[in-house]
Amino acid sequence: MGHPDFRVNGRIFATLQANMTSGCVMLSPDEQQEFLRTHQKTFTPASGAWGRQGSTMVLLAGAEPAAVRSAIVTAWERALSLPARKKAARKPVAAKPAARKAATLSPKNRK
């Protein structure tokens, strides 16, 4: 991915692109519409289904710091209110085939 992301409860609520000129905040669709209405030059929906679900691109050049701060805090509060993501369980490492076969043979069948 190559860019920083910001998380709470195992959920990403904001990202910053590697070029440091734009980022993304994860808002609800209603919150997104409010930011799009009040700051048209700064916020735009992400493409496709992500954008319809509230993922919002932030153009940092010329953006009002207070508007960006407000969007980040809103995204953070939203992520904080959602249940924590479960961490993926680590899968046990399988034994090598030869070791597995040797373990199943009875002592008198081993050579």
PDB file of N, CA and C in Angstrom:
ATOM      1  N   MET A   1       0.834  -1.190   0.000  1.00  0.00           N
ATOM      2  CA  MET A   1       0.000   0.000   0.000  1.00  0.00           C
ATOM      3  C   MET A   1       0.874   1.248   0.000  1.00  0.00           C
ATOM      4  N   GLY A   2       1.858   1.338   0.892  1.00  0.00           N
ATOM      5  CA  GLY A   2       2.796   2.433   0.849  1.00  0.00           C
ATOM      6  C   GLY A   2       2.310   3.756   1.404  1.00  0.00           C
ATOM      7  N   HIS A   3       1.252   3.751   2.192  1.00  0.00           N
ATOM      8  CA  HIS A   3       0.779   5.008   2.773  1.00  0.00           C
ATOM      9  C   HIS A   3       0.320   4.751   4.211  1.00  0.00           C
ATOM     10  N   PRO A   4       0.438   5.779   5.057  1.00  0.00           N
ATOM     11  CA  PRO A   4       0.019   5.598   6.449  1.00  0.00           C
ATOM     12  C   PRO A   4      -1.500   5.520   6.580  1.00  0.00           C
ATOM     13  N   ASP A   5      -1.936   4.724   7.531  1.00  0.00           N
ATOM     14  CA  ASP A   5      -3.360   4.720   7.856  1.00  0.00           C
ATOM     15  C   ASP A   5      -3.500   4.907   9.364  1.00  0.00           C
ATOM     16  N   PHE A   6      -4.654   5.367   9.761  1.00  0.00           N
ATOM     17  CA  PHE A   6      -4.928   5.679  11.155  1.00  0.00           C
ATOM     18  C   PHE A   6      -6.081   4.806  11.610  1.00  0.00           C
ATOM     19  N   ARG A   7      -5.891   4.113  12.743  1.00  0.00           N
ATOM     20  CA  ARG A   7      -6.853   3.107  13.185  1.00  0.00           C
ATOM     21  C   ARG A   7      -7.268   3.307  14.634  1.00  0.00           C
ATOM     22  N   VAL A   8      -8.481   2.831  14.908  1.00  0.00           N
ATOM     23  CA  VAL A   8      -8.970   2.723  16.277  1.00  0.00           C
ATOM     24  C   VAL A   8      -9.833   1.464  16.311  1.00  0.00           C
ATOM     25  N   ASN A   9      -9.710   0.673  17.355  1.00  0.00           N
ATOM     26  CA  ASN A   9     -10.449  -0.590  17.474  1.00  0.00           C
ATOM     27  C   ASN A   9     -10.220  -1.508  16.275  1.00  0.00           C
ATOM     28  N   GLY A  10      -9.044  -1.447  15.682  1.00  0.00           N
ATOM     29  CA  GLY A  10      -8.737  -2.294  14.544  1.00  0.00           C
ATOM     30  C   GLY A  10      -9.365  -1.834  13.241  1.00  0.00           C
ATOM     31  N   ARG A  11      -9.953  -0.644  13.223  1.00  0.00           N
ATOM     32  CA  ARG A  11     -10.615  -0.115  12.025  1.00  0.00           C
ATOM     33  C   ARG A  11      -9.864   1.107  11.508  1.00  0.00           C
ATOM     34  N   ILE A  12      -9.692   1.171  10.209  1.00  0.00           N
ATOM     35  CA  ILE A  12      -9.074   2.348   9.593  1.00  0.00           C
ATOM     36  C   ILE A  12     -10.132   3.444   9.525  1.00  0.00           C
ATOM     37  N   PHE A  13      -9.798   4.636  10.018  1.00  0.00           N
ATOM     38  CA  PHE A  13     -10.732   5.758   9.914  1.00  0.00           C
ATOM     39  C   PHE A  13     -10.198   6.864   9.026  1.00  0.00           C
ATOM     40  N   ALA A  14      -8.909   6.844   8.716  1.00  0.00           N
ATOM     41  CA  ALA A  14      -8.327   7.852   7.825  1.00  0.00           C
ATOM     42  C   ALA A  14      -7.031   7.310   7.229  1.00  0.00           C
ATOM     43  N   THR A  15      -6.711   7.798   6.043  1.00  0.00           N
ATOM     44  CA  THR A  15      -5.440   7.460   5.406  1.00  0.00           C
ATOM     45  C   THR A  15      -4.815   8.730   4.856  1.00  0.00           C
ATOM     46  N   LEU A  16      -3.521   8.676   4.625  1.00  0.00           N
ATOM     47  CA  LEU A  16      -2.794   9.774   4.001  1.00  0.00           C
ATOM     48  C   LEU A  16      -2.018   9.175   2.843  1.00  0.00           C
ATOM     49  N   GLN A  17      -2.209   9.698   1.649  1.00  0.00           N
ATOM     50  CA  GLN A  17      -1.521   9.165   0.480  1.00  0.00           C
ATOM     51  C   GLN A  17      -0.024   9.443   0.579  1.00  0.00           C
ATOM     52  N   ALA A  18       0.759   8.590  -0.043  1.00  0.00           N
ATOM     53  CA  ALA A  18       2.214   8.706   0.025  1.00  0.00           C
ATOM     54  C   ALA A  18       2.718  10.048  -0.498  1.00  0.00           C
ATOM     55  N   ASN A  19       2.002  10.642  -1.448  1.00  0.00           N
ATOM     56  CA  ASN A  19       2.447  11.921  -2.008  1.00  0.00           C
ATOM     57  C   ASN A  19       2.110  13.104  -1.101  1.00  0.00           C
ATOM     58  N   MET A  20       1.406  12.849  -0.002  1.00  0.00           N
ATOM     59  CA  MET A  20       1.063  13.847   1.021  1.00  0.00           C
ATOM     60  C   MET A  20       0.187  14.984   0.485  1.00  0.00           C
ATOM     61  N   THR A  21      -0.478  14.790  -0.649  1.00  0.00           N
ATOM     62  CA  THR A  21      -1.351  15.833  -1.184  1.00  0.00           C
ATOM     63  C   THR A  21      -2.824  15.516  -0.990  1.00  0.00           C
ATOM     64  N   SER A  22      -3.120  14.278  -0.620  1.00  0.00           N
ATOM     65  CA  SER A  22      -4.508  13.887  -0.407  1.00  0.00           C
ATOM     66  C   SER A  22      -4.588  12.769   0.619  1.00  0.00           C
ATOM     67  N   GLY A  23      -5.794  12.531   1.059  1.00  0.00           N
ATOM     68  CA  GLY A  23      -6.047  11.467   2.020  1.00  0.00           C
ATOM     69  C   GLY A  23      -7.472  10.994   1.871  1.00  0.00           C
ATOM     70  N   CYS A  24      -7.913  10.216   2.825  1.00  0.00           N
ATOM     71  CA  CYS A  24      -9.259   9.671   2.791  1.00  0.00           C
ATOM     72  C   CYS A  24      -9.758   9.538   4.225  1.00  0.00           C
ATOM     73  N   VAL A  25     -11.018   9.844   4.439  1.00  0.00           N
ATOM     74  CA  VAL A  25     -11.665   9.630   5.735  1.00  0.00           C
ATOM     75  C   VAL A  25     -12.874   8.741   5.523  1.00  0.00           C
ATOM     76  N   MET A  26     -13.150   7.891   6.508  1.00  0.00           N
ATOM     77  CA  MET A  26     -14.278   6.978   6.407  1.00  0.00           C
ATOM     78  C   MET A  26     -15.446   7.551   7.216  1.00  0.00           C
ATOM     79  N   LEU A  27     -16.400   8.111   6.501  1.00  0.00           N
ATOM     80  CA  LEU A  27     -17.560   8.750   7.125  1.00  0.00           C
ATOM     81  C   LEU A  27     -18.815   7.930   6.832  1.00  0.00           C
ATOM     82  N   SER A  28     -19.907   8.267   7.481  1.00  0.00           N
ATOM     83  CA  SER A  28     -21.187   7.689   7.087  1.00  0.00           C
ATOM     84  C   SER A  28     -21.633   8.435   5.826  1.00  0.00           C
ATOM     85  N   PRO A  29     -22.533   7.871   5.030  1.00  0.00           N
ATOM     86  CA  PRO A  29     -23.002   8.596   3.839  1.00  0.00           C
ATOM     87  C   PRO A  29     -23.616   9.960   4.179  1.00  0.00           C
ATOM     88  N   ASP A  30     -24.342  10.068   5.293  1.00  0.00           N
ATOM     89  CA  ASP A  30     -24.921  11.363   5.681  1.00  0.00           C
ATOM     90  C   ASP A  30     -23.844  12.369   6.060  1.00  0.00           C
ATOM     91  N   GLU A  31     -22.845  11.927   6.809  1.00  0.00           N
ATOM     92  CA  GLU A  31     -21.740  12.816   7.182  1.00  0.00           C
ATOM     93  C   GLU A  31     -20.991  13.260   5.932  1.00  0.00           C
ATOM     94  N   GLN A  32     -20.788  12.315   5.017  1.00  0.00           N
ATOM     95  CA  GLN A  32     -20.105  12.631   3.770  1.00  0.00           C
ATOM     96  C   GLN A  32     -20.840  13.732   3.013  1.00  0.00           C
ATOM     97  N   GLN A  33     -22.155  13.608   2.903  1.00  0.00           N
ATOM     98  CA  GLN A  33     -22.942  14.606   2.169  1.00  0.00           C
ATOM     99  C   GLN A  33     -22.804  15.992   2.781  1.00  0.00           C
ATOM    100  N   GLU A  34     -22.741  16.063   4.096  1.00  0.00           N
ATOM    101  CA  GLU A  34     -22.586  17.357   4.769  1.00  0.00           C
ATOM    102  C   GLU A  34     -21.234  17.989   4.420  1.00  0.00           C
ATOM    103  N   PHE A  35     -20.155  17.201   4.449  1.00  0.00           N
ATOM    104  CA  PHE A  35     -18.838  17.743   4.105  1.00  0.00           C
ATOM    105  C   PHE A  35     -18.769  18.119   2.624  1.00  0.00           C
ATOM    106  N   LEU A  36     -19.394  17.327   1.764  1.00  0.00           N
ATOM    107  CA  LEU A  36     -19.406  17.654   0.332  1.00  0.00           C
ATOM    108  C   LEU A  36     -20.154  18.953   0.075  1.00  0.00           C
ATOM    109  N   ARG A  37     -21.223  19.174   0.803  1.00  0.00           N
ATOM    110  CA  ARG A  37     -22.035  20.374   0.622  1.00  0.00           C
ATOM    111  C   ARG A  37     -21.308  21.621   1.112  1.00  0.00           C
ATOM    112  N   THR A  38     -20.628  21.516   2.248  1.00  0.00           N
ATOM    113  CA  THR A  38     -20.020  22.710   2.852  1.00  0.00           C
ATOM    114  C   THR A  38     -18.596  22.998   2.378  1.00  0.00           C
ATOM    115  N   HIS A  39     -17.911  21.996   1.839  1.00  0.00           N
ATOM    116  CA  HIS A  39     -16.514  22.186   1.404  1.00  0.00           C
ATOM    117  C   HIS A  39     -16.293  21.452   0.087  1.00  0.00           C
ATOM    118  N   GLN A  40     -16.900  21.943  -0.962  1.00  0.00           N
ATOM    119  CA  GLN A  40     -16.911  21.266  -2.260  1.00  0.00           C
ATOM    120  C   GLN A  40     -15.535  21.090  -2.887  1.00  0.00           C
ATOM    121  N   LYS A  41     -14.616  21.997  -2.634  1.00  0.00           N
ATOM    122  CA  LYS A  41     -13.288  21.916  -3.248  1.00  0.00           C
ATOM    123  C   LYS A  41     -12.343  21.003  -2.482  1.00  0.00           C
ATOM    124  N   THR A  42     -12.698  20.663  -1.256  1.00  0.00           N
ATOM    125  CA  THR A  42     -11.821  19.850  -0.410  1.00  0.00           C
ATOM    126  C   THR A  42     -12.209  18.381  -0.404  1.00  0.00           C
ATOM    127  N   PHE A  43     -13.495  18.076  -0.381  1.00  0.00           N
ATOM    128  CA  PHE A  43     -13.970  16.700  -0.220  1.00  0.00           C
ATOM    129  C   PHE A  43     -14.672  16.206  -1.475  1.00  0.00           C
ATOM    130  N   THR A  44     -14.436  14.940  -1.806  1.00  0.00           N
ATOM    131  CA  THR A  44     -15.112  14.285  -2.919  1.00  0.00           C
ATOM    132  C   THR A  44     -15.298  12.806  -2.559  1.00  0.00           C
ATOM    133  N   PRO A  45     -16.384  12.184  -2.983  1.00  0.00           N
ATOM    134  CA  PRO A  45     -16.561  10.762  -2.667  1.00  0.00           C
ATOM    135  C   PRO A  45     -15.486   9.909  -3.346  1.00  0.00           C
ATOM    136  N   ALA A  46     -15.046   8.867  -2.679  1.00  0.00           N
ATOM    137  CA  ALA A  46     -14.148   7.903  -3.315  1.00  0.00           C
ATOM    138  C   ALA A  46     -14.925   7.217  -4.431  1.00  0.00           C
ATOM    139  N   SER A  47     -14.235   6.618  -5.364  1.00  0.00           N
ATOM    140  CA  SER A  47     -14.926   6.000  -6.500  1.00  0.00           C
ATOM    141  C   SER A  47     -15.633   4.706  -6.095  1.00  0.00           C
ATOM    142  N   GLY A  48     -16.687   4.413  -6.824  1.00  0.00           N
ATOM    143  CA  GLY A  48     -17.396   3.150  -6.672  1.00  0.00           C
ATOM    144  C   GLY A  48     -18.131   2.981  -5.352  1.00  0.00           C
ATOM    145  N   ALA A  49     -18.231   1.720  -4.937  1.00  0.00           N
ATOM    146  CA  ALA A  49     -18.986   1.367  -3.741  1.00  0.00           C
ATOM    147  C   ALA A  49     -18.392   1.981  -2.480  1.00  0.00           C
ATOM    148  N   TRP A  50     -17.070   2.128  -2.443  1.00  0.00           N
ATOM    149  CA  TRP A  50     -16.448   2.747  -1.265  1.00  0.00           C
ATOM    150  C   TRP A  50     -17.021   4.142  -1.044  1.00  0.00           C
ATOM    151  N   GLY A  51     -17.123   4.910  -2.095  1.00  0.00           N
ATOM    152  CA  GLY A  51     -17.655   6.263  -1.995  1.00  0.00           C
ATOM    153  C   GLY A  51     -19.118   6.286  -1.598  1.00  0.00           C
ATOM    154  N   ARG A  52     -19.900   5.361  -2.131  1.00  0.00           N
ATOM    155  CA  ARG A  52     -21.323   5.292  -1.760  1.00  0.00           C
ATOM    156  C   ARG A  52     -21.504   4.912  -0.300  1.00  0.00           C
ATOM    157  N   GLN A  53     -20.518   4.232   0.287  1.00  0.00           N
ATOM    158  CA  GLN A  53     -20.590   3.838   1.689  1.00  0.00           C
ATOM    159  C   GLN A  53     -20.031   4.912   2.621  1.00  0.00           C
ATOM    160  N   GLY A  54     -19.515   6.018   2.082  1.00  0.00           N
ATOM    161  CA  GLY A  54     -19.041   7.124   2.906  1.00  0.00           C
ATOM    162  C   GLY A  54     -17.560   7.406   2.848  1.00  0.00           C
ATOM    163  N   SER A  55     -16.799   6.587   2.149  1.00  0.00           N
ATOM    164  CA  SER A  55     -15.368   6.829   2.025  1.00  0.00           C
ATOM    165  C   SER A  55     -15.179   8.116   1.223  1.00  0.00           C
ATOM    166  N   THR A  56     -14.456   9.073   1.806  1.00  0.00           N
ATOM    167  CA  THR A  56     -14.393  10.424   1.256  1.00  0.00           C
ATOM    168  C   THR A  56     -12.947  10.858   1.045  1.00  0.00           C
ATOM    169  N   MET A  57     -12.616  11.250  -0.173  1.00  0.00           N
ATOM    170  CA  MET A  57     -11.275  11.744  -0.485  1.00  0.00           C
ATOM    171  C   MET A  57     -11.143  13.192  -0.012  1.00  0.00           C
ATOM    172  N   VAL A  58      -9.945  13.526   0.464  1.00  0.00           N
ATOM    173  CA  VAL A  58      -9.666  14.862   0.982  1.00  0.00           C
ATOM    174  C   VAL A  58      -8.489  15.436   0.200  1.00  0.00           C
ATOM    175  N   LEU A  59      -8.716  16.549  -0.508  1.00  0.00           N
ATOM    176  CA  LEU A  59      -7.639  17.265  -1.195  1.00  0.00           C
ATOM    177  C   LEU A  59      -7.039  18.253  -0.210  1.00  0.00           C
ATOM    178  N   LEU A  60      -5.780  18.078   0.119  1.00  0.00           N
ATOM    179  CA  LEU A  60      -5.180  18.892   1.180  1.00  0.00           C
ATOM    180  C   LEU A  60      -4.734  20.273   0.706  1.00  0.00           C
ATOM    181  N   ALA A  61      -4.398  20.422  -0.562  1.00  0.00           N
ATOM    182  CA  ALA A  61      -3.961  21.726  -1.071  1.00  0.00           C
ATOM    183  C   ALA A  61      -5.109  22.722  -0.982  1.00  0.00           C
ATOM    184  N   GLY A  62      -4.912  23.775  -0.252  1.00  0.00           N
ATOM    185  CA  GLY A  62      -5.921  24.822  -0.110  1.00  0.00           C
ATOM    186  C   GLY A  62      -7.055  24.485   0.841  1.00  0.00           C
ATOM    187  N   ALA A  63      -6.988  23.336   1.495  1.00  0.00           N
ATOM    188  CA  ALA A  63      -8.064  22.944   2.414  1.00  0.00           C
ATOM    189  C   ALA A  63      -7.983  23.760   3.702  1.00  0.00           C
ATOM    190  N   GLU A  64      -9.146  24.038   4.269  1.00  0.00           N
ATOM    191  CA  GLU A  64      -9.182  24.702   5.565  1.00  0.00           C
ATOM    192  C   GLU A  64      -8.814  23.681   6.641  1.00  0.00           C
ATOM    193  N   PRO A  65      -7.787  23.958   7.436  1.00  0.00           N
ATOM    194  CA  PRO A  65      -7.375  23.002   8.468  1.00  0.00           C
ATOM    195  C   PRO A  65      -8.527  22.593   9.404  1.00  0.00           C
ATOM    196  N   ALA A  66      -9.400  23.535   9.728  1.00  0.00           N
ATOM    197  CA  ALA A  66     -10.520  23.221  10.625  1.00  0.00           C
ATOM    198  C   ALA A  66     -11.475  22.208   9.993  1.00  0.00           C
ATOM    199  N   ALA A  67     -11.686  22.295   8.681  1.00  0.00           N
ATOM    200  CA  ALA A  67     -12.576  21.356   7.989  1.00  0.00           C
ATOM    201  C   ALA A  67     -11.959  19.959   7.959  1.00  0.00           C
ATOM    202  N   VAL A  68     -10.658  19.877   7.680  1.00  0.00           N
ATOM    203  CA  VAL A  68      -9.975  18.581   7.650  1.00  0.00           C
ATOM    204  C   VAL A  68      -9.970  17.974   9.051  1.00  0.00           C
ATOM    205  N   ARG A  69      -9.665  18.783  10.045  1.00  0.00           N
ATOM    206  CA  ARG A  69      -9.675  18.313  11.437  1.00  0.00           C
ATOM    207  C   ARG A  69     -11.052  17.787  11.814  1.00  0.00           C
ATOM    208  N   SER A  70     -12.087  18.509  11.446  1.00  0.00           N
ATOM    209  CA  SER A  70     -13.450  18.097  11.758  1.00  0.00           C
ATOM    210  C   SER A  70     -13.796  16.759  11.096  1.00  0.00           C
ATOM    211  N   ALA A  71     -13.380  16.573   9.853  1.00  0.00           N
ATOM    212  CA  ALA A  71     -13.640  15.318   9.148  1.00  0.00           C
ATOM    213  C   ALA A  71     -12.905  14.157   9.802  1.00  0.00           C
ATOM    214  N   ILE A  72     -11.664  14.383  10.203  1.00  0.00           N
ATOM    215  CA  ILE A  72     -10.887  13.321  10.852  1.00  0.00           C
ATOM    216  C   ILE A  72     -11.495  12.956  12.197  1.00  0.00           C
ATOM    217  N   VAL A  73     -11.876  13.951  12.978  1.00  0.00           N
ATOM    218  CA  VAL A  73     -12.497  13.674  14.284  1.00  0.00           C
ATOM    219  C   VAL A  73     -13.829  12.945  14.093  1.00  0.00           C
ATOM    220  N   THR A  74     -14.608  13.346  13.109  1.00  0.00           N
ATOM    221  CA  THR A  74     -15.887  12.684  12.832  1.00  0.00           C
ATOM    222  C   THR A  74     -15.660  11.230  12.459  1.00  0.00           C
ATOM    223  N   ALA A  75     -14.678  10.971  11.591  1.00  0.00           N
ATOM    224  CA  ALA A  75     -14.370   9.598  11.189  1.00  0.00           C
ATOM    225  C   ALA A  75     -13.865   8.781  12.371  1.00  0.00           C
ATOM    226  N   TRP A  76     -13.034   9.383  13.221  1.00  0.00           N
ATOM    227  CA  TRP A  76     -12.515   8.705  14.415  1.00  0.00           C
ATOM    228  C   TRP A  76     -13.649   8.348  15.368  1.00  0.00           C
ATOM    229  N   GLU A  77     -14.547   9.301  15.619  1.00  0.00           N
ATOM    230  CA  GLU A  77     -15.681   9.039  16.517  1.00  0.00           C
ATOM    231  C   GLU A  77     -16.574   7.932  15.964  1.00  0.00           C
ATOM    232  N   ARG A  78     -16.782   7.933  14.658  1.00  0.00           N
ATOM    233  CA  ARG A  78     -17.613   6.902  14.037  1.00  0.00           C
ATOM    234  C   ARG A  78     -16.960   5.529  14.206  1.00  0.00           C
ATOM    235  N   ALA A  79     -15.668   5.426  13.915  1.00  0.00           N
ATOM    236  CA  ALA A  79     -14.961   4.147  14.047  1.00  0.00           C
ATOM    237  C   ALA A  79     -14.936   3.685  15.497  1.00  0.00           C
ATOM    238  N   LEU A  80     -14.812   4.630  16.422  1.00  0.00           N
ATOM    239  CA  LEU A  80     -14.792   4.301  17.847  1.00  0.00           C
ATOM    240  C   LEU A  80     -16.136   3.757  18.311  1.00  0.00           C
ATOM    241  N   SER A  81     -17.221   4.204  17.685  1.00  0.00           N
ATOM    242  CA  SER A  81     -18.555   3.766  18.096  1.00  0.00           C
ATOM    243  C   SER A  81     -18.908   2.376  17.564  1.00  0.00           C
ATOM    244  N   LEU A  82     -18.163   1.891  16.574  1.00  0.00           N
ATOM    245  CA  LEU A  82     -18.425   0.576  15.993  1.00  0.00           C
ATOM    246  C   LEU A  82     -17.726  -0.503  16.817  1.00  0.00           C
ATOM    247  N   PRO A  83     -18.225  -1.735  16.779  1.00  0.00           N
ATOM    248  CA  PRO A  83     -17.548  -2.809  17.509  1.00  0.00           C
ATOM    249  C   PRO A  83     -16.128  -3.010  17.003  1.00  0.00           C
ATOM    250  N   ALA A  84     -15.248  -3.380  17.897  1.00  0.00           N
ATOM    251  CA  ALA A  84     -13.852  -3.607  17.523  1.00  0.00           C
ATOM    252  C   ALA A  84     -13.758  -4.774  16.556  1.00  0.00           C
ATOM    253  N   ARG A  85     -12.862  -4.650  15.598  1.00  0.00           N
ATOM    254  CA  ARG A  85     -12.615  -5.747  14.656  1.00  0.00           C
ATOM    255  C   ARG A  85     -11.877  -6.848  15.401  1.00  0.00           C
ATOM    256  N   LYS A  86     -12.245  -8.083  15.111  1.00  0.00           N
ATOM    257  CA  LYS A  86     -11.539  -9.221  15.695  1.00  0.00           C
ATOM    258  C   LYS A  86     -10.221  -9.388  14.971  1.00  0.00           C
ATOM    259  N   LYS A  87      -9.189  -9.693  15.731  1.00  0.00           N
ATOM    260  CA  LYS A  87      -7.896  -9.954  15.112  1.00  0.00           C
ATOM    261  C   LYS A  87      -7.953 -11.321  14.453  1.00  0.00           C
ATOM    262  N   ALA A  88      -7.319 -11.434  13.326  1.00  0.00           N
ATOM    263  CA  ALA A  88      -7.290 -12.706  12.609  1.00  0.00           C
ATOM    264  C   ALA A  88      -6.487 -13.715  13.421  1.00  0.00           C
ATOM    265  N   ALA A  89      -7.046 -14.892  13.601  1.00  0.00           N
ATOM    266  CA  ALA A  89      -6.342 -15.943  14.334  1.00  0.00           C
ATOM    267  C   ALA A  89      -5.209 -16.482  13.477  1.00  0.00           C
ATOM    268  N   ARG A  90      -4.104 -16.729  14.113  1.00  0.00           N
ATOM    269  CA  ARG A  90      -2.970 -17.295  13.382  1.00  0.00           C
ATOM    270  C   ARG A  90      -3.217 -18.775  13.162  1.00  0.00           C
ATOM    271  N   LYS A  91      -2.934 -19.211  11.951  1.00  0.00           N
ATOM    272  CA  LYS A  91      -3.086 -20.623  11.629  1.00  0.00           C
ATOM    273  C   LYS A  91      -1.858 -21.373  12.123  1.00  0.00           C
ATOM    274  N   PRO A  92      -2.061 -22.558  12.689  1.00  0.00           N
ATOM    275  CA  PRO A  92      -0.881 -23.329  13.129  1.00  0.00           C
ATOM    276  C   PRO A  92      -0.046 -23.729  11.925  1.00  0.00           C
ATOM    277  N   VAL A  93       1.236 -23.765  12.125  1.00  0.00           N
ATOM    278  CA  VAL A  93       2.149 -24.147  11.062  1.00  0.00           C
ATOM    279  C   VAL A  93       2.114 -25.665  10.941  1.00  0.00           C
ATOM    280  N   ALA A  94       1.867 -26.144   9.754  1.00  0.00           N
ATOM    281  CA  ALA A  94       1.795 -27.590   9.523  1.00  0.00           C
ATOM    282  C   ALA A  94       3.189 -28.198   9.579  1.00  0.00           C
ATOM    283  N   ALA A  95       3.248 -29.430  10.097  1.00  0.00           N
ATOM    284  CA  ALA A  95       4.518 -30.144  10.139  1.00  0.00           C
ATOM    285  C   ALA A  95       4.920 -30.534   8.727  1.00  0.00           C
ATOM    286  N   LYS A  96       6.198 -30.707   8.525  1.00  0.00           N
ATOM    287  CA  LYS A  96       6.679 -31.146   7.221  1.00  0.00           C
ATOM    288  C   LYS A  96       6.127 -32.535   6.944  1.00  0.00           C
ATOM    289  N   PRO A  97       5.840 -32.862   5.672  1.00  0.00           N
ATOM    290  CA  PRO A  97       5.242 -34.165   5.345  1.00  0.00           C
ATOM    291  C   PRO A  97       6.014 -35.349   5.910  1.00  0.00           C
ATOM    292  N   ALA A  98       7.344 -35.349   5.846  1.00  0.00           N
ATOM    293  CA  ALA A  98       8.131 -36.483   6.352  1.00  0.00           C
ATOM    294  C   ALA A  98       7.959 -36.625   7.856  1.00  0.00           C
ATOM    295  N   ALA A  99       7.965 -35.530   8.570  1.00  0.00           N
ATOM    296  CA  ALA A  99       7.803 -35.583  10.025  1.00  0.00           C
ATOM    297  C   ALA A  99       6.413 -36.065  10.384  1.00  0.00           C
ATOM    298  N   ARG A 100       5.408 -35.655   9.622  1.00  0.00           N
ATOM    299  CA  ARG A 100       4.043 -36.070   9.883  1.00  0.00           C
ATOM    300  C   ARG A 100       3.916 -37.586   9.676  1.00  0.00           C
ATOM    301  N   LYS A 101       4.519 -38.109   8.601  1.00  0.00           N
ATOM    302  CA  LYS A 101       4.451 -39.530   8.311  1.00  0.00           C
ATOM    303  C   LYS A 101       5.158 -40.329   9.394  1.00  0.00           C
ATOM    304  N   ALA A 102       6.320 -39.871   9.819  1.00  0.00           N
ATOM    305  CA  ALA A 102       7.075 -40.580  10.853  1.00  0.00           C
ATOM    306  C   ALA A 102       6.308 -40.610  12.169  1.00  0.00           C
ATOM    307  N   ALA A 103       5.576 -39.567  12.474  1.00  0.00           N
ATOM    308  CA  ALA A 103       4.841 -39.504  13.722  1.00  0.00           C
ATOM    309  C   ALA A 103       3.664 -40.472  13.735  1.00  0.00           C
ATOM    310  N   THR A 104       3.144 -40.860  12.571  1.00  0.00           N
ATOM    311  CA  THR A 104       1.988 -41.758  12.522  1.00  0.00           C
ATOM    312  C   THR A 104       2.381 -43.227  12.451  1.00  0.00           C
ATOM    313  N   LEU A 105       3.635 -43.517  12.141  1.00  0.00           N
ATOM    314  CA  LEU A 105       4.076 -44.908  12.082  1.00  0.00           C
ATOM    315  C   LEU A 105       4.331 -45.446  13.482  1.00  0.00           C
ATOM    316  N   SER A 106       4.002 -46.699  13.687  1.00  0.00           N
ATOM    317  CA  SER A 106       4.301 -47.309  14.987  1.00  0.00           C
ATOM    318  C   SER A 106       5.810 -47.584  15.041  1.00  0.00           C
ATOM    319  N   PRO A 107       6.376 -47.699  16.247  1.00  0.00           N
ATOM    320  CA  PRO A 107       7.825 -47.883  16.361  1.00  0.00           C
ATOM    321  C   PRO A 107       8.370 -49.076  15.584  1.00  0.00           C
ATOM    322  N   LYS A 108       7.634 -50.191  15.492  1.00  0.00           N
ATOM    323  CA  LYS A 108       8.191 -51.335  14.780  1.00  0.00           C
ATOM    324  C   LYS A 108       8.103 -51.200  13.264  1.00  0.00           C
ATOM    325  N   ASN A 109       7.282 -50.262  12.747  1.00  0.00           N
ATOM    326  CA  ASN A 109       7.200 -50.035  11.301  1.00  0.00           C
ATOM    327  C   ASN A 109       8.201 -49.002  10.811  1.00  0.00           C
ATOM    328  N   ARG A 110       8.868 -48.309  11.714  1.00  0.00           N
ATOM    329  CA  ARG A 110       9.836 -47.287  11.319  1.00  0.00           C
ATOM    330  C   ARG A 110      11.118 -47.920  10.854  1.00  0.00           C
ATOM    331  N   LYS A 111      11.741 -47.333   9.863  1.00  0.00           N
ATOM    332  CA  LYS A 111      13.030 -47.851   9.367  1.00  0.00           C
ATOM    333  C   LYS A 111      14.064 -46.796   9.462  1.00  0.00           C
TER     334      LYS A 111
END
